[in-house]
PDB file of N, CA and C in Angstrom:
ATOM      1  N   MET A   1      78.674 122.689  79.852  1.00  0.00           N
ATOM      2  CA  MET A   1      77.589 123.577  80.179  1.00  0.00           C
ATOM      3  C   MET A   1      77.950 124.295  81.475  1.00  0.00           C
ATOM      4  N   ALA A   2      77.890 125.575  81.430  1.00  0.00           N
ATOM      5  CA  ALA A   2      78.319 126.383  82.567  1.00  0.00           C
ATOM      6  C   ALA A   2      77.170 126.650  83.524  1.00  0.00           C
ATOM      7  N   SER A   3      77.491 126.620  84.818  1.00  0.00           N
ATOM      8  CA  SER A   3      76.503 126.996  85.826  1.00  0.00           C
ATOM      9  C   SER A   3      77.209 127.407  87.104  1.00  0.00           C
ATOM     10  N   ILE A   4      76.416 127.942  87.986  1.00  0.00           N
ATOM     11  CA  ILE A   4      76.850 128.228  89.347  1.00  0.00           C
ATOM     12  C   ILE A   4      75.850 127.553  90.269  1.00  0.00           C
ATOM     13  N   GLY A   5      76.332 126.607  91.075  1.00  0.00           N
ATOM     14  CA  GLY A   5      75.502 125.996  92.100  1.00  0.00           C
ATOM     15  C   GLY A   5      74.639 124.836  91.662  1.00  0.00           C
ATOM     16  N   SER A   6      75.007 124.118  90.609  1.00  0.00           N
ATOM     17  CA  SER A   6      74.239 122.923  90.239  1.00  0.00           C
ATOM     18  C   SER A   6      74.438 121.848  91.298  1.00  0.00           C
ATOM     19  N   ARG A   7      73.521 120.893  91.361  1.00  0.00           N
ATOM     20  CA  ARG A   7      73.671 119.779  92.304  1.00  0.00           C
ATOM     21  C   ARG A   7      74.982 119.040  92.055  1.00  0.00           C
ATOM     22  N   ALA A   8      75.340 118.876  90.793  1.00  0.00           N
ATOM     23  CA  ALA A   8      76.593 118.186  90.465  1.00  0.00           C
ATOM     24  C   ALA A   8      77.787 118.956  91.036  1.00  0.00           C
ATOM     25  N   GLN A   9      77.751 120.260  90.951  1.00  0.00           N
ATOM     26  CA  GLN A   9      78.839 121.063  91.500  1.00  0.00           C
ATOM     27  C   GLN A   9      78.876 120.958  93.019  1.00  0.00           C
ATOM     28  N   LYS A  10      77.725 121.020  93.646  1.00  0.00           N
ATOM     29  CA  LYS A  10      77.684 120.899  95.105  1.00  0.00           C
ATOM     30  C   LYS A  10      78.232 119.546  95.549  1.00  0.00           C
ATOM     31  N   ALA A  11      77.852 118.485  94.833  1.00  0.00           N
ATOM     32  CA  ALA A  11      78.333 117.137  95.180  1.00  0.00           C
ATOM     33  C   ALA A  11      79.843 117.021  95.001  1.00  0.00           C
ATOM     34  N   ALA A  12      80.400 117.756  94.048  1.00  0.00           N
ATOM     35  CA  ALA A  12      81.842 117.717  93.784  1.00  0.00           C
ATOM     36  C   ALA A  12      82.619 118.706  94.651  1.00  0.00           C
ATOM     37  N   GLY A  13      81.904 119.467  95.483  1.00  0.00           N
ATOM     38  CA  GLY A  13      82.568 120.446  96.336  1.00  0.00           C
ATOM     39  C   GLY A  13      83.002 121.708  95.612  1.00  0.00           C
ATOM     40  N   VAL A  14      82.405 121.982  94.458  1.00  0.00           N
ATOM     41  CA  VAL A  14      82.737 123.170  93.680  1.00  0.00           C
ATOM     42  C   VAL A  14      81.929 124.351  94.200  1.00  0.00           C
ATOM     43  N   THR A  15      82.622 125.401  94.567  1.00  0.00           N
ATOM     44  CA  THR A  15      81.946 126.638  94.962  1.00  0.00           C
ATOM     45  C   THR A  15      82.500 127.771  94.111  1.00  0.00           C
ATOM     46  N   ILE A  16      81.618 128.630  93.692  1.00  0.00           N
ATOM     47  CA  ILE A  16      81.979 129.763  92.834  1.00  0.00           C
ATOM     48  C   ILE A  16      81.368 131.015  93.437  1.00  0.00           C
ATOM     49  N   ASN A  17      82.161 132.048  93.561  1.00  0.00           N
ATOM     50  CA  ASN A  17      81.671 133.327  94.044  1.00  0.00           C
ATOM     51  C   ASN A  17      80.942 134.008  92.887  1.00  0.00           C
ATOM     52  N   LYS A  18      79.619 134.070  92.986  1.00  0.00           N
ATOM     53  CA  LYS A  18      78.793 134.591  91.902  1.00  0.00           C
ATOM     54  C   LYS A  18      79.162 136.027  91.542  1.00  0.00           C
ATOM     55  N   GLN A  19      79.310 136.891  92.525  1.00  0.00           N
ATOM     56  CA  GLN A  19      79.605 138.294  92.239  1.00  0.00           C
ATOM     57  C   GLN A  19      80.974 138.451  91.590  1.00  0.00           C
ATOM     58  N   GLU A  20      81.935 137.635  92.020  1.00  0.00           N
ATOM     59  CA  GLU A  20      83.266 137.685  91.413  1.00  0.00           C
ATOM     60  C   GLU A  20      83.211 137.250  89.947  1.00  0.00           C
ATOM     61  N   LEU A  21      82.442 136.209  89.668  1.00  0.00           N
ATOM     62  CA  LEU A  21      82.293 135.741  88.289  1.00  0.00           C
ATOM     63  C   LEU A  21      81.601 136.793  87.430  1.00  0.00           C
ATOM     64  N   VAL A  22      80.511 137.340  87.911  1.00  0.00           N
ATOM     65  CA  VAL A  22      79.770 138.355  87.151  1.00  0.00           C
ATOM     66  C   VAL A  22      80.666 139.562  86.880  1.00  0.00           C
ATOM     67  N   GLU A  23      81.396 140.014  87.877  1.00  0.00           N
ATOM     68  CA  GLU A  23      82.289 141.166  87.690  1.00  0.00           C
ATOM     69  C   GLU A  23      83.401 140.835  86.703  1.00  0.00           C
ATOM     70  N   SER A  24      83.938 139.622  86.769  1.00  0.00           N
ATOM     71  CA  SER A  24      84.992 139.214  85.841  1.00  0.00           C
ATOM     72  C   SER A  24      84.474 139.211  84.406  1.00  0.00           C
ATOM     73  N   LEU A  25      83.274 138.675  84.184  1.00  0.00           N
ATOM     74  CA  LEU A  25      82.697 138.649  82.839  1.00  0.00           C
ATOM     75  C   LEU A  25      82.400 140.059  82.334  1.00  0.00           C
ATOM     76  N   ALA A  26      81.873 140.893  83.215  1.00  0.00           N
ATOM     77  CA  ALA A  26      81.584 142.277  82.825  1.00  0.00           C
ATOM     78  C   ALA A  26      82.879 143.020  82.486  1.00  0.00           C
ATOM     79  N   ALA A  27      83.918 142.817  83.286  1.00  0.00           N
ATOM     80  CA  ALA A  27      85.198 143.475  83.032  1.00  0.00           C
ATOM     81  C   ALA A  27      85.804 142.974  81.730  1.00  0.00           C
ATOM     82  N   PHE A  28      85.680 141.667  81.467  1.00  0.00           N
ATOM     83  CA  PHE A  28      86.206 141.097  80.236  1.00  0.00           C
ATOM     84  C   PHE A  28      85.550 141.752  79.020  1.00  0.00           C
ATOM     85  N   ALA A  29      84.269 142.115  79.176  1.00  0.00           N
ATOM     86  CA  ALA A  29      83.533 142.798  78.103  1.00  0.00           C
ATOM     87  C   ALA A  29      83.692 144.311  78.198  1.00  0.00           C
ATOM     88  N   GLN A  30      84.641 144.752  79.011  1.00  0.00           N
ATOM     89  CA  GLN A  30      84.892 146.178  79.228  1.00  0.00           C
ATOM     90  C   GLN A  30      83.628 146.906  79.682  1.00  0.00           C
ATOM     91  N   HIS A  31      82.824 146.200  80.454  1.00  0.00           N
ATOM     92  CA  HIS A  31      81.558 146.711  81.000  1.00  0.00           C
ATOM     93  C   HIS A  31      80.618 147.223  79.918  1.00  0.00           C
ATOM     94  N   ASN A  32      80.775 146.694  78.719  1.00  0.00           N
ATOM     95  CA  ASN A  32      79.874 147.013  77.616  1.00  0.00           C
ATOM     96  C   ASN A  32      78.829 145.909  77.528  1.00  0.00           C
ATOM     97  N   VAL A  33      78.149 145.664  78.644  1.00  0.00           N
ATOM     98  CA  VAL A  33      77.202 144.569  78.771  1.00  0.00           C
ATOM     99  C   VAL A  33      76.171 144.952  79.829  1.00  0.00           C
ATOM    100  N   ASP A  34      74.980 144.440  79.688  1.00  0.00           N
ATOM    101  CA  ASP A  34      73.957 144.653  80.709  1.00  0.00           C
ATOM    102  C   ASP A  34      74.227 143.645  81.830  1.00  0.00           C
ATOM    103  N   GLN A  35      74.828 144.105  82.899  1.00  0.00           N
ATOM    104  CA  GLN A  35      75.252 143.226  83.988  1.00  0.00           C
ATOM    105  C   GLN A  35      74.068 142.494  84.620  1.00  0.00           C
ATOM    106  N   ARG A  36      72.874 143.032  84.510  1.00  0.00           N
ATOM    107  CA  ARG A  36      71.691 142.336  85.039  1.00  0.00           C
ATOM    108  C   ARG A  36      71.472 141.006  84.328  1.00  0.00           C
ATOM    109  N   LEU A  37      71.802 140.929  83.035  1.00  0.00           N
ATOM    110  CA  LEU A  37      71.676 139.665  82.313  1.00  0.00           C
ATOM    111  C   LEU A  37      72.679 138.638  82.824  1.00  0.00           C
ATOM    112  N   LEU A  38      73.892 139.082  83.110  1.00  0.00           N
ATOM    113  CA  LEU A  38      74.888 138.176  83.687  1.00  0.00           C
ATOM    114  C   LEU A  38      74.433 137.679  85.059  1.00  0.00           C
ATOM    115  N   GLU A  39      73.863 138.556  85.852  1.00  0.00           N
ATOM    116  CA  GLU A  39      73.379 138.174  87.185  1.00  0.00           C
ATOM    117  C   GLU A  39      72.207 137.206  87.086  1.00  0.00           C
ATOM    118  N   THR A  40      71.313 137.430  86.133  1.00  0.00           N
ATOM    119  CA  THR A  40      70.186 136.515  85.931  1.00  0.00           C
ATOM    120  C   THR A  40      70.687 135.132  85.566  1.00  0.00           C
ATOM    121  N   ARG A  41      71.639 135.074  84.671  1.00  0.00           N
ATOM    122  CA  ARG A  41      72.244 133.779  84.285  1.00  0.00           C
ATOM    123  C   ARG A  41      72.893 133.113  85.491  1.00  0.00           C
ATOM    124  N   ALA A  42      73.661 133.881  86.241  1.00  0.00           N
ATOM    125  CA  ALA A  42      74.330 133.336  87.420  1.00  0.00           C
ATOM    126  C   ALA A  42      73.323 132.844  88.454  1.00  0.00           C
ATOM    127  N   ASP A  43      72.246 133.571  88.632  1.00  0.00           N
ATOM    128  CA  ASP A  43      71.231 133.199  89.625  1.00  0.00           C
ATOM    129  C   ASP A  43      70.447 131.948  89.236  1.00  0.00           C
ATOM    130  N   ASN A  44      70.286 131.685  87.948  1.00  0.00           N
ATOM    131  CA  ASN A  44      69.390 130.619  87.503  1.00  0.00           C
ATOM    132  C   ASN A  44      70.071 129.439  86.828  1.00  0.00           C
ATOM    133  N   SER A  45      71.346 129.521  86.564  1.00  0.00           N
ATOM    134  CA  SER A  45      72.024 128.467  85.807  1.00  0.00           C
ATOM    135  C   SER A  45      72.076 127.134  86.549  1.00  0.00           C
ATOM    136  N   GLY A  46      72.285 127.143  87.847  1.00  0.00           N
ATOM    137  CA  GLY A  46      72.335 125.894  88.610  1.00  0.00           C
ATOM    138  C   GLY A  46      71.009 125.153  88.557  1.00  0.00           C
ATOM    139  N   ALA A  47      69.920 125.867  88.807  1.00  0.00           N
ATOM    140  CA  ALA A  47      68.591 125.253  88.768  1.00  0.00           C
ATOM    141  C   ALA A  47      68.246 124.761  87.368  1.00  0.00           C
ATOM    142  N   THR A  48      68.694 125.489  86.343  1.00  0.00           N
ATOM    143  CA  THR A  48      68.431 125.076  84.964  1.00  0.00           C
ATOM    144  C   THR A  48      69.108 123.746  84.657  1.00  0.00           C
ATOM    145  N   LEU A  49      70.361 123.594  85.059  1.00  0.00           N
ATOM    146  CA  LEU A  49      71.054 122.334  84.812  1.00  0.00           C
ATOM    147  C   LEU A  49      70.514 121.211  85.682  1.00  0.00           C
ATOM    148  N   ASP A  50      70.064 121.532  86.889  1.00  0.00           N
ATOM    149  CA  ASP A  50      69.413 120.513  87.723  1.00  0.00           C
ATOM    150  C   ASP A  50      68.163 119.988  87.025  1.00  0.00           C
ATOM    151  N   TRP A  51      67.384 120.887  86.416  1.00  0.00           N
ATOM    152  CA  TRP A  51      66.189 120.497  85.663  1.00  0.00           C
ATOM    153  C   TRP A  51      66.577 119.581  84.505  1.00  0.00           C
ATOM    154  N   LEU A  52      67.595 119.980  83.749  1.00  0.00           N
ATOM    155  CA  LEU A  52      68.042 119.180  82.615  1.00  0.00           C
ATOM    156  C   LEU A  52      68.466 117.780  83.069  1.00  0.00           C
ATOM    157  N   GLU A  53      69.173 117.715  84.169  1.00  0.00           N
ATOM    158  CA  GLU A  53      69.619 116.415  84.673  1.00  0.00           C
ATOM    159  C   GLU A  53      68.430 115.541  85.062  1.00  0.00           C
ATOM    160  N   GLU A  54      67.467 116.108  85.775  1.00  0.00           N
ATOM    161  CA  GLU A  54      66.307 115.334  86.241  1.00  0.00           C
ATOM    162  C   GLU A  54      65.373 114.918  85.112  1.00  0.00           C
ATOM    163  N   LYS A  55      65.082 115.837  84.218  1.00  0.00           N
ATOM    164  CA  LYS A  55      64.063 115.607  83.192  1.00  0.00           C
ATOM    165  C   LYS A  55      64.581 114.949  81.919  1.00  0.00           C
ATOM    166  N   VAL A  56      65.858 115.152  81.591  1.00  0.00           N
ATOM    167  CA  VAL A  56      66.377 114.681  80.310  1.00  0.00           C
ATOM    168  C   VAL A  56      67.476 113.634  80.476  1.00  0.00           C
ATOM    169  N   LEU A  57      68.437 113.895  81.337  1.00  0.00           N
ATOM    170  CA  LEU A  57      69.578 112.979  81.454  1.00  0.00           C
ATOM    171  C   LEU A  57      69.245 111.711  82.235  1.00  0.00           C
ATOM    172  N   LYS A  58      68.751 111.850  83.467  1.00  0.00           N
ATOM    173  CA  LYS A  58      68.508 110.675  84.312  1.00  0.00           C
ATOM    174  C   LYS A  58      67.539 109.666  83.697  1.00  0.00           C
ATOM    175  N   PRO A  59      66.454 110.087  83.050  1.00  0.00           N
ATOM    176  CA  PRO A  59      65.576 109.096  82.406  1.00  0.00           C
ATOM    177  C   PRO A  59      66.281 108.277  81.322  1.00  0.00           C
ATOM    178  N   ASN A  60      67.420 108.760  80.838  1.00  0.00           N
ATOM    179  CA  ASN A  60      68.193 108.052  79.825  1.00  0.00           C
ATOM    180  C   ASN A  60      69.462 107.430  80.399  1.00  0.00           C
ATOM    181  N   GLY A  61      69.541 107.356  81.732  1.00  0.00           N
ATOM    182  CA  GLY A  61      70.665 106.697  82.390  1.00  0.00           C
ATOM    183  C   GLY A  61      71.915 107.541  82.533  1.00  0.00           C
ATOM    184  N   ALA A  62      71.839 108.834  82.266  1.00  0.00           N
ATOM    185  CA  ALA A  62      73.001 109.710  82.358  1.00  0.00           C
ATOM    186  C   ALA A  62      72.838 110.678  83.536  1.00  0.00           C
ATOM    187  N   HIS A  63      73.870 111.411  83.824  1.00  0.00           N
ATOM    188  CA  HIS A  63      73.856 112.418  84.882  1.00  0.00           C
ATOM    189  C   HIS A  63      74.898 113.483  84.554  1.00  0.00           C
ATOM    190  N   LEU A  64      74.943 114.530  85.369  1.00  0.00           N
ATOM    191  CA  LEU A  64      75.952 115.567  85.191  1.00  0.00           C
ATOM    192  C   LEU A  64      77.145 115.299  86.091  1.00  0.00           C
ATOM    193  N   ARG A  65      78.319 115.615  85.578  1.00  0.00           N
ATOM    194  CA  ARG A  65      79.560 115.545  86.348  1.00  0.00           C
ATOM    195  C   ARG A  65      80.166 116.935  86.308  1.00  0.00           C
ATOM    196  N   ALA A  66      80.430 117.494  87.486  1.00  0.00           N
ATOM    197  CA  ALA A  66      81.024 118.829  87.542  1.00  0.00           C
ATOM    198  C   ALA A  66      82.533 118.725  87.381  1.00  0.00           C
ATOM    199  N   GLU A  67      83.069 119.662  86.650  1.00  0.00           N
ATOM    200  CA  GLU A  67      84.517 119.758  86.482  1.00  0.00           C
ATOM    201  C   GLU A  67      85.030 120.706  87.552  1.00  0.00           C
ATOM    202  N   ALA A  68      85.804 120.190  88.470  1.00  0.00           N
ATOM    203  CA  ALA A  68      86.237 120.988  89.619  1.00  0.00           C
ATOM    204  C   ALA A  68      87.377 121.950  89.315  1.00  0.00           C
ATOM    205  N   ASP A  69      88.058 121.766  88.194  1.00  0.00           N
ATOM    206  CA  ASP A  69      89.177 122.631  87.843  1.00  0.00           C
ATOM    207  C   ASP A  69      88.827 123.479  86.637  1.00  0.00           C
ATOM    208  N   ALA A  70      89.378 124.666  86.589  1.00  0.00           N
ATOM    209  CA  ALA A  70      89.201 125.549  85.443  1.00  0.00           C
ATOM    210  C   ALA A  70      90.581 125.888  84.899  1.00  0.00           C
ATOM    211  N   MET A  71      90.753 125.696  83.622  1.00  0.00           N
ATOM    212  CA  MET A  71      92.050 125.964  83.004  1.00  0.00           C
ATOM    213  C   MET A  71      92.169 127.438  82.670  1.00  0.00           C
ATOM    214  N   VAL A  72      93.252 128.047  83.102  1.00  0.00           N
ATOM    215  CA  VAL A  72      93.534 129.439  82.771  1.00  0.00           C
ATOM    216  C   VAL A  72      94.673 129.437  81.768  1.00  0.00           C
ATOM    217  N   THR A  73      94.440 130.001  80.597  1.00  0.00           N
ATOM    218  CA  THR A  73      95.464 129.991  79.557  1.00  0.00           C
ATOM    219  C   THR A  73      96.025 131.378  79.271  1.00  0.00           C
ATOM    220  N   ASN A  74      95.514 132.392  79.946  1.00  0.00           N
ATOM    221  CA  ASN A  74      95.927 133.752  79.644  1.00  0.00           C
ATOM    222  C   ASN A  74      95.817 134.583  80.912  1.00  0.00           C
ATOM    223  N   LYS A  75      96.807 135.419  81.188  1.00  0.00           N
ATOM    224  CA  LYS A  75      96.782 136.249  82.392  1.00  0.00           C
ATOM    225  C   LYS A  75      95.642 137.265  82.368  1.00  0.00           C
ATOM    226  N   ALA A  76      95.148 137.596  81.196  1.00  0.00           N
ATOM    227  CA  ALA A  76      94.077 138.582  81.067  1.00  0.00           C
ATOM    228  C   ALA A  76      92.693 137.977  81.316  1.00  0.00           C
ATOM    229  N   TYR A  77      92.627 136.669  81.462  1.00  0.00           N
ATOM    230  CA  TYR A  77      91.337 135.999  81.617  1.00  0.00           C
ATOM    231  C   TYR A  77      91.324 135.213  82.913  1.00  0.00           C
ATOM    232  N   GLN A  78      90.304 135.398  83.710  1.00  0.00           N
ATOM    233  CA  GLN A  78      90.141 134.662  84.957  1.00  0.00           C
ATOM    234  C   GLN A  78      89.149 133.526  84.717  1.00  0.00           C
ATOM    235  N   ALA A  79      89.540 132.316  85.039  1.00  0.00           N
ATOM    236  CA  ALA A  79      88.678 131.160  84.796  1.00  0.00           C
ATOM    237  C   ALA A  79      87.969 130.737  86.081  1.00  0.00           C
ATOM    238  N   PHE A  80      86.785 130.160  85.913  1.00  0.00           N
ATOM    239  CA  PHE A  80      85.977 129.659  87.026  1.00  0.00           C
ATOM    240  C   PHE A  80      85.546 128.232  86.697  1.00  0.00           C
ATOM    241  N   PRO A  81      85.434 127.364  87.695  1.00  0.00           N
ATOM    242  CA  PRO A  81      85.061 125.961  87.439  1.00  0.00           C
ATOM    243  C   PRO A  81      83.559 125.793  87.242  1.00  0.00           C
ATOM    244  N   THR A  82      83.026 126.341  86.149  1.00  0.00           N
ATOM    245  CA  THR A  82      81.587 126.336  85.903  1.00  0.00           C
ATOM    246  C   THR A  82      81.101 125.139  85.094  1.00  0.00           C
ATOM    247  N   GLU A  83      82.015 124.280  84.648  1.00  0.00           N
ATOM    248  CA  GLU A  83      81.667 123.218  83.703  1.00  0.00           C
ATOM    249  C   GLU A  83      80.885 122.064  84.339  1.00  0.00           C
ATOM    250  N   ASN A  84      79.856 121.616  83.619  1.00  0.00           N
ATOM    251  CA  ASN A  84      79.062 120.427  83.961  1.00  0.00           C
ATOM    252  C   ASN A  84      78.958 119.582  82.698  1.00  0.00           C
ATOM    253  N   ASP A  85      79.399 118.341  82.771  1.00  0.00           N
ATOM    254  CA  ASP A  85      79.387 117.472  81.589  1.00  0.00           C
ATOM    255  C   ASP A  85      78.364 116.353  81.738  1.00  0.00           C
ATOM    256  N   PRO A  86      77.521 116.129  80.713  1.00  0.00           N
ATOM    257  CA  PRO A  86      76.642 114.956  80.716  1.00  0.00           C
ATOM    258  C   PRO A  86      77.491 113.694  80.540  1.00  0.00           C
ATOM    259  N   THR A  87      77.240 112.696  81.361  1.00  0.00           N
ATOM    260  CA  THR A  87      78.044 111.481  81.326  1.00  0.00           C
ATOM    261  C   THR A  87      77.237 110.280  81.801  1.00  0.00           C
ATOM    262  N   PHE A  88      77.661 109.103  81.389  1.00  0.00           N
ATOM    263  CA  PHE A  88      77.107 107.854  81.924  1.00  0.00           C
ATOM    264  C   PHE A  88      77.989 107.333  83.060  1.00  0.00           C
ATOM    265  N   ASP A  89      79.298 107.482  82.873  1.00  0.00           N
ATOM    266  CA  ASP A  89      80.252 106.822  83.758  1.00  0.00           C
ATOM    267  C   ASP A  89      81.086 107.767  84.607  1.00  0.00           C
ATOM    268  N   GLY A  90      80.826 109.062  84.553  1.00  0.00           N
ATOM    269  CA  GLY A  90      81.588 110.017  85.331  1.00  0.00           C
ATOM    270  C   GLY A  90      82.928 110.368  84.720  1.00  0.00           C
ATOM    271  N   GLN A  91      83.253 109.791  83.563  1.00  0.00           N
ATOM    272  CA  GLN A  91      84.545 110.058  82.949  1.00  0.00           C
ATOM    273  C   GLN A  91      84.415 110.568  81.516  1.00  0.00           C
ATOM    274  N   SER A  92      83.494 110.003  80.756  1.00  0.00           N
ATOM    275  CA  SER A  92      83.377 110.385  79.357  1.00  0.00           C
ATOM    276  C   SER A  92      82.136 111.237  79.136  1.00  0.00           C
ATOM    277  N   PHE A  93      82.160 112.009  78.066  1.00  0.00           N
ATOM    278  CA  PHE A  93      81.058 112.895  77.704  1.00  0.00           C
ATOM    279  C   PHE A  93      80.052 112.143  76.841  1.00  0.00           C
ATOM    280  N   THR A  94      78.772 112.432  77.041  1.00  0.00           N
ATOM    281  CA  THR A  94      77.746 111.866  76.169  1.00  0.00           C
ATOM    282  C   THR A  94      76.876 112.996  75.625  1.00  0.00           C
ATOM    283  N   SER A  95      76.387 112.836  74.424  1.00  0.00           N
ATOM    284  CA  SER A  95      75.507 113.816  73.802  1.00  0.00           C
ATOM    285  C   SER A  95      74.080 113.610  74.314  1.00  0.00           C
ATOM    286  N   TYR A  96      73.339 114.678  74.448  1.00  0.00           N
ATOM    287  CA  TYR A  96      71.972 114.583  74.967  1.00  0.00           C
ATOM    288  C   TYR A  96      70.954 115.296  74.083  1.00  0.00           C
ATOM    289  N   GLY A  97      71.380 115.812  72.957  1.00  0.00           N
ATOM    290  CA  GLY A  97      70.493 116.602  72.095  1.00  0.00           C
ATOM    291  C   GLY A  97      69.247 115.867  71.658  1.00  0.00           C
ATOM    292  N   ASP A  98      69.394 114.607  71.241  1.00  0.00           N
ATOM    293  CA  ASP A  98      68.228 113.830  70.807  1.00  0.00           C
ATOM    294  C   ASP A  98      67.261 113.600  71.964  1.00  0.00           C
ATOM    295  N   TRP A  99      67.796 113.380  73.159  1.00  0.00           N
ATOM    296  CA  TRP A  99      66.928 113.179  74.334  1.00  0.00           C
ATOM    297  C   TRP A  99      66.135 114.454  74.630  1.00  0.00           C
ATOM    298  N   PHE A 100      66.798 115.608  74.493  1.00  0.00           N
ATOM    299  CA  PHE A 100      66.110 116.871  74.724  1.00  0.00           C
ATOM    300  C   PHE A 100      65.000 117.072  73.704  1.00  0.00           C
ATOM    301  N   LEU A 101      65.272 116.773  72.442  1.00  0.00           N
ATOM    302  CA  LEU A 101      64.248 116.905  71.406  1.00  0.00           C
ATOM    303  C   LEU A 101      63.077 115.960  71.667  1.00  0.00           C
ATOM    304  N   GLU A 102      63.359 114.739  72.107  1.00  0.00           N
ATOM    305  CA  GLU A 102      62.285 113.799  72.458  1.00  0.00           C
ATOM    306  C   GLU A 102      61.445 114.353  73.606  1.00  0.00           C
ATOM    307  N   TYR A 103      62.101 114.939  74.609  1.00  0.00           N
ATOM    308  CA  TYR A 103      61.382 115.523  75.746  1.00  0.00           C
ATOM    309  C   TYR A 103      60.471 116.650  75.274  1.00  0.00           C
ATOM    310  N   GLN A 104      60.999 117.544  74.466  1.00  0.00           N
ATOM    311  CA  GLN A 104      60.194 118.688  74.033  1.00  0.00           C
ATOM    312  C   GLN A 104      59.031 118.246  73.167  1.00  0.00           C
ATOM    313  N   GLU A 105      59.224 117.238  72.329  1.00  0.00           N
ATOM    314  CA  GLU A 105      58.123 116.746  71.500  1.00  0.00           C
ATOM    315  C   GLU A 105      57.049 116.095  72.373  1.00  0.00           C
ATOM    316  N   LYS A 106      57.471 115.284  73.331  1.00  0.00           N
ATOM    317  CA  LYS A 106      56.534 114.591  74.223  1.00  0.00           C
ATOM    318  C   LYS A 106      55.716 115.572  75.062  1.00  0.00           C
ATOM    319  N   HIS A 107      56.324 116.691  75.457  1.00  0.00           N
ATOM    320  CA  HIS A 107      55.663 117.652  76.331  1.00  0.00           C
ATOM    321  C   HIS A 107      55.123 118.878  75.598  1.00  0.00           C
ATOM    322  N   GLY A 108      55.175 118.864  74.277  1.00  0.00           N
ATOM    323  CA  GLY A 108      54.601 119.961  73.498  1.00  0.00           C
ATOM    324  C   GLY A 108      55.325 121.280  73.645  1.00  0.00           C
ATOM    325  N   VAL A 109      56.621 121.230  73.881  1.00  0.00           N
ATOM    326  CA  VAL A 109      57.404 122.456  73.998  1.00  0.00           C
ATOM    327  C   VAL A 109      57.594 123.049  72.609  1.00  0.00           C
ATOM    328  N   ASP A 110      57.296 124.320  72.485  1.00  0.00           N
ATOM    329  CA  ASP A 110      57.422 125.021  71.212  1.00  0.00           C
ATOM    330  C   ASP A 110      58.778 125.720  71.179  1.00  0.00           C
ATOM    331  N   LEU A 111      59.741 125.113  70.470  1.00  0.00           N
ATOM    332  CA  LEU A 111      61.062 125.721  70.335  1.00  0.00           C
ATOM    333  C   LEU A 111      61.089 126.601  69.099  1.00  0.00           C
ATOM    334  N   ARG A 112      61.647 127.785  69.263  1.00  0.00           N
ATOM    335  CA  ARG A 112      61.768 128.702  68.135  1.00  0.00           C
ATOM    336  C   ARG A 112      63.213 129.162  68.036  1.00  0.00           C
ATOM    337  N   PHE A 113      63.735 129.120  66.826  1.00  0.00           N
ATOM    338  CA  PHE A 113      65.122 129.485  66.589  1.00  0.00           C
ATOM    339  C   PHE A 113      65.190 130.678  65.654  1.00  0.00           C
ATOM    340  N   GLU A 114      66.278 131.441  65.775  1.00  0.00           N
ATOM    341  CA  GLU A 114      66.538 132.579  64.901  1.00  0.00           C
ATOM    342  C   GLU A 114      65.347 133.532  64.831  1.00  0.00           C
ATOM    343  N   THR A 115      64.823 133.867  65.985  1.00  0.00           N
ATOM    344  CA  THR A 115      63.712 134.820  66.047  1.00  0.00           C
ATOM    345  C   THR A 115      64.256 136.177  66.477  1.00  0.00           C
ATOM    346  N   ILE A 116      63.623 137.213  66.024  1.00  0.00           N
ATOM    347  CA  ILE A 116      64.007 138.559  66.445  1.00  0.00           C
ATOM    348  C   ILE A 116      62.749 139.330  66.788  1.00  0.00           C
ATOM    349  N   LYS A 117      62.907 140.259  67.667  1.00  0.00           N
ATOM    350  CA  LYS A 117      61.800 141.135  68.032  1.00  0.00           C
ATOM    351  C   LYS A 117      61.945 142.400  67.208  1.00  0.00           C
ATOM    352  N   THR A 118      60.888 142.746  66.527  1.00  0.00           N
ATOM    353  CA  THR A 118      60.935 143.965  65.721  1.00  0.00           C
ATOM    354  C   THR A 118      59.993 144.992  66.300  1.00  0.00           C
ATOM    355  N   SER A 119      60.346 146.215  66.120  1.00  0.00           N
ATOM    356  CA  SER A 119      59.489 147.317  66.583  1.00  0.00           C
ATOM    357  C   SER A 119      58.487 147.648  65.487  1.00  0.00           C
ATOM    358  N   PRO A 120      57.277 148.027  65.895  1.00  0.00           N
ATOM    359  CA  PRO A 120      56.312 148.428  64.863  1.00  0.00           C
ATOM    360  C   PRO A 120      56.775 149.720  64.194  1.00  0.00           C
ATOM    361  N   SER A 121      56.393 149.875  62.954  1.00  0.00           N
ATOM    362  CA  SER A 121      56.745 151.104  62.238  1.00  0.00           C
ATOM    363  C   SER A 121      56.057 152.285  62.883  1.00  0.00           C
ATOM    364  N   PRO A 122      56.740 153.421  62.949  1.00  0.00           N
ATOM    365  CA  PRO A 122      56.100 154.595  63.535  1.00  0.00           C
ATOM    366  C   PRO A 122      54.908 155.056  62.691  1.00  0.00           C
ATOM    367  N   VAL A 123      53.881 155.519  63.370  1.00  0.00           N
ATOM    368  CA  VAL A 123      52.688 156.043  62.672  1.00  0.00           C
ATOM    369  C   VAL A 123      53.018 157.439  62.180  1.00  0.00           C
ATOM    370  N   ARG A 124      52.698 157.690  60.927  1.00  0.00           N
ATOM    371  CA  ARG A 124      52.983 159.028  60.373  1.00  0.00           C
ATOM    372  C   ARG A 124      51.715 159.738  60.054  1.00  0.00           C
TER     373      ARG A 124
END
């Protein structure tokens, strides 16, 4: 799970230049993207993962572990250490999907999938 500035990243000493990441992603998309959406994600991703860790992972004995290294496999792509892995022991990955579903059911969260916004038909 990618983020900028999660508690797990701060604890691991991971720092990411938000503007550099946003510009890299926009450039990778040949600037055919609404950069405000990338900035919104960058601004809120750390807090979102902190919420997930507090509300879903920790009550089940797990936590997030930040990956301090980013693998670069191509000169055309710039990598950033944005990874956060759910784990019990700091080494292995654990799944959290069922815990999230239990949380949403307990708190009455209405999840909707495959939804689209449609425009009303023009009046003639």
